[in-house]
Amino acid sequence: MNIVEEIKESWGWIGINPVEVIGENDFGNLMIKDTDGKFWRLCPEDVYCEIVAQNQEELDTLSKDQEFLEDWYMRALVDVAQDKLGPLEEGKKYYLVIPGALGGEYGIDNIKTAPLVEIIRYSGDVGKQIKDLPDGAQVKLKVID
């Protein structure tokens, strides 16, 4: 399955109809263009996929925003991950084992690597399960093999 189809399958419940991934970072964040020419950011560590630009002009402006760029490249966290886990293998990304949205820490003890497809699936599944919970709600993770 290609990445665009995986996004549609895992995150389609939010209304995204992706046509192209135009950017990605080392933590599996994706910049996605949809059928309407809008741009979405899929952010697995914070378990969201939302519109960040309504058109190419807004995306161009966003791409010059230093705060956005710092958040996008996650340089400090990537450096820590590379030092402890080594460089990424083909098709893999770093990820937070317990997403930040569920209280996971942005530290090396909570970082591993996994195939990008699995990160997309996992974040989409968690996002769908917690979408209606209020901020601060208590959740219990139950891992089933």
Protein backbone atom coordinates (compact mmCIF):
# COMPACT_ATOMS: atom_id res chain seq x y z
CA MET A 1 0.00 0.00 0.00
CA ASN A 2 1.36 3.44 -0.83
CA ILE A 3 1.60 6.25 1.73
CA VAL A 4 -1.27 8.30 0.26
CA GLU A 5 -3.59 5.29 0.42
CA GLU A 6 -2.42 4.57 3.97
CA ILE A 7 -3.22 8.14 5.03
CA LYS A 8 -6.68 7.85 3.45
CA GLU A 9 -7.28 4.51 5.18
CA SER A 10 -5.94 5.52 8.60
CA TRP A 11 -6.97 9.20 8.79
CA GLY A 12 -9.88 9.48 6.32
CA TRP A 13 -12.27 9.66 9.27
CA ILE A 14 -11.25 13.32 9.80
CA GLY A 15 -12.24 14.26 6.25
CA ILE A 16 -8.87 14.30 4.51
CA ASN A 17 -8.79 13.18 0.88
CA PRO A 18 -5.04 13.12 0.17
CA VAL A 19 -3.47 13.21 -3.26
CA GLU A 20 0.22 13.78 -2.49
CA VAL A 21 2.74 13.87 0.35
CA ILE A 22 4.88 16.94 -0.28
CA GLY A 23 7.09 16.77 2.80
CA GLU A 24 8.08 14.64 5.77
CA ASN A 25 10.34 14.86 8.77
CA ASP A 26 12.35 12.30 10.75
CA PHE A 27 9.46 11.82 13.22
CA GLY A 28 6.95 10.83 10.55
CA ASN A 29 5.21 14.20 10.33
CA LEU A 30 3.79 14.55 6.85
CA MET A 31 2.74 17.59 4.81
CA ILE A 32 -0.12 16.41 2.63
CA LYS A 33 -1.90 18.06 -0.27
CA ASP A 34 -5.59 17.16 -0.64
CA THR A 35 -7.97 17.10 -3.60
CA ASP A 36 -9.08 20.68 -2.85
CA GLY A 37 -5.52 22.06 -2.91
CA LYS A 38 -5.40 22.44 0.88
CA PHE A 39 -2.40 21.34 2.91
CA TRP A 40 -2.61 19.17 6.02
CA ARG A 41 -0.03 18.28 8.64
CA LEU A 42 -0.15 14.78 10.02
CA CYS A 43 1.62 14.91 13.40
CA PRO A 44 1.87 11.38 14.87
CA GLU A 45 3.51 12.40 18.15
CA ASP A 46 0.61 14.71 19.00
CA VAL A 47 -1.98 12.48 17.28
CA TYR A 48 -3.52 14.99 14.90
CA CYS A 49 -3.98 15.62 11.21
CA GLU A 50 -5.26 19.10 10.42
CA ILE A 51 -5.27 21.76 7.73
CA VAL A 52 -2.32 24.15 8.07
CA ALA A 53 -2.72 26.05 4.79
CA GLN A 54 -5.74 26.68 2.58
CA ASN A 55 -3.64 27.03 -0.60
CA GLN A 56 -0.09 27.15 -1.98
CA GLU A 57 0.33 30.83 -1.08
CA GLU A 58 -0.47 30.15 2.59
CA LEU A 59 1.90 27.16 2.55
CA ASP A 60 4.67 29.35 1.10
CA THR A 61 4.14 31.86 3.93
CA LEU A 62 4.11 29.07 6.52
CA SER A 63 7.35 27.66 5.13
CA LYS A 64 9.09 30.93 6.07
CA ASP A 65 7.71 31.03 9.61
CA GLN A 66 10.63 30.29 11.96
CA GLU A 67 8.42 28.97 14.77
CA PHE A 68 6.72 26.55 12.39
CA LEU A 69 10.05 25.44 10.92
CA GLU A 70 11.53 24.80 14.36
CA ASP A 71 8.51 22.70 15.28
CA TRP A 72 8.55 20.92 11.91
CA TYR A 73 12.22 19.89 11.87
CA MET A 74 12.35 18.95 15.59
CA ARG A 75 16.14 19.30 15.34
CA ALA A 76 16.96 18.92 19.05
CA LEU A 77 14.84 15.78 19.41
CA VAL A 78 16.15 14.33 16.14
CA ASP A 79 19.73 14.88 17.34
CA VAL A 80 19.02 13.02 20.61
CA ALA A 81 17.32 10.17 18.73
CA GLN A 82 20.18 9.87 16.23
CA ASP A 83 22.77 9.84 19.01
CA LYS A 84 21.03 7.04 20.95
CA LEU A 85 19.29 5.03 18.22
CA GLY A 86 21.50 5.68 15.22
CA PRO A 87 20.52 6.86 11.76
CA LEU A 88 17.16 5.90 10.34
CA GLU A 89 16.88 2.85 8.12
CA GLU A 90 15.05 3.08 4.80
CA GLY A 91 11.30 3.53 5.31
CA LYS A 92 11.58 4.04 9.08
CA LYS A 93 11.05 7.09 11.28
CA TYR A 94 11.53 7.93 14.94
CA TYR A 95 8.32 8.05 16.99
CA LEU A 96 7.11 8.58 20.54
CA VAL A 97 6.09 5.20 21.96
CA ILE A 98 3.51 6.95 24.13
CA PRO A 99 2.32 9.95 22.08
CA GLY A 100 2.57 13.40 23.61
CA ALA A 101 -1.22 13.65 23.34
CA LEU A 102 -1.42 10.81 25.87
CA GLY A 103 1.16 12.28 28.22
CA GLY A 104 4.24 10.70 26.65
CA GLU A 105 7.50 12.51 27.25
CA TYR A 106 9.59 14.05 24.50
CA GLY A 107 12.72 12.24 25.67
CA ILE A 108 14.93 9.38 24.57
CA ASP A 109 13.30 6.87 26.93
CA ASN A 110 10.07 7.30 24.93
CA ILE A 111 11.58 7.21 21.42
CA LYS A 112 11.97 4.21 19.12
CA THR A 113 11.95 3.61 15.37
CA ALA A 114 9.26 1.98 13.25
CA PRO A 115 8.17 1.82 9.62
CA LEU A 116 6.36 5.03 8.58
CA VAL A 117 3.28 3.02 7.55
CA GLU A 118 2.94 1.61 11.09
CA ILE A 119 3.30 5.09 12.61
CA ILE A 120 0.53 6.41 10.33
CA ARG A 121 -1.73 3.50 11.24
CA TYR A 122 -1.05 3.71 14.98
CA SER A 123 -1.56 7.47 15.22
CA GLY A 124 -4.74 7.30 13.12
CA ASP A 125 -6.15 4.54 15.29
CA VAL A 126 -5.32 6.34 18.54
CA GLY A 127 -6.62 9.63 17.13
CA LYS A 128 -9.94 8.07 16.22
CA GLN A 129 -10.30 6.54 19.68
CA ILE A 130 -9.55 9.77 21.59
CA LYS A 131 -11.15 12.31 19.24
CA ASP A 132 -14.16 12.98 21.45
CA LEU A 133 -12.30 13.08 24.77
CA PRO A 134 -11.95 16.45 26.51
CA ASP A 135 -8.47 17.82 27.20
CA GLY A 136 -7.06 16.30 30.36
CA ALA A 137 -9.24 13.18 30.21
CA GLN A 138 -7.72 10.06 31.75
CA VAL A 139 -6.98 7.21 29.32
CA LYS A 140 -5.77 3.67 29.83
CA LEU A 141 -3.61 2.05 27.16
CA LYS A 142 -4.26 -1.61 26.62
CA VAL A 143 -1.80 -3.36 24.33
CA ILE A 144 -3.09 -6.48 22.61
CA ASP A 145 -0.82 -8.71 20.53
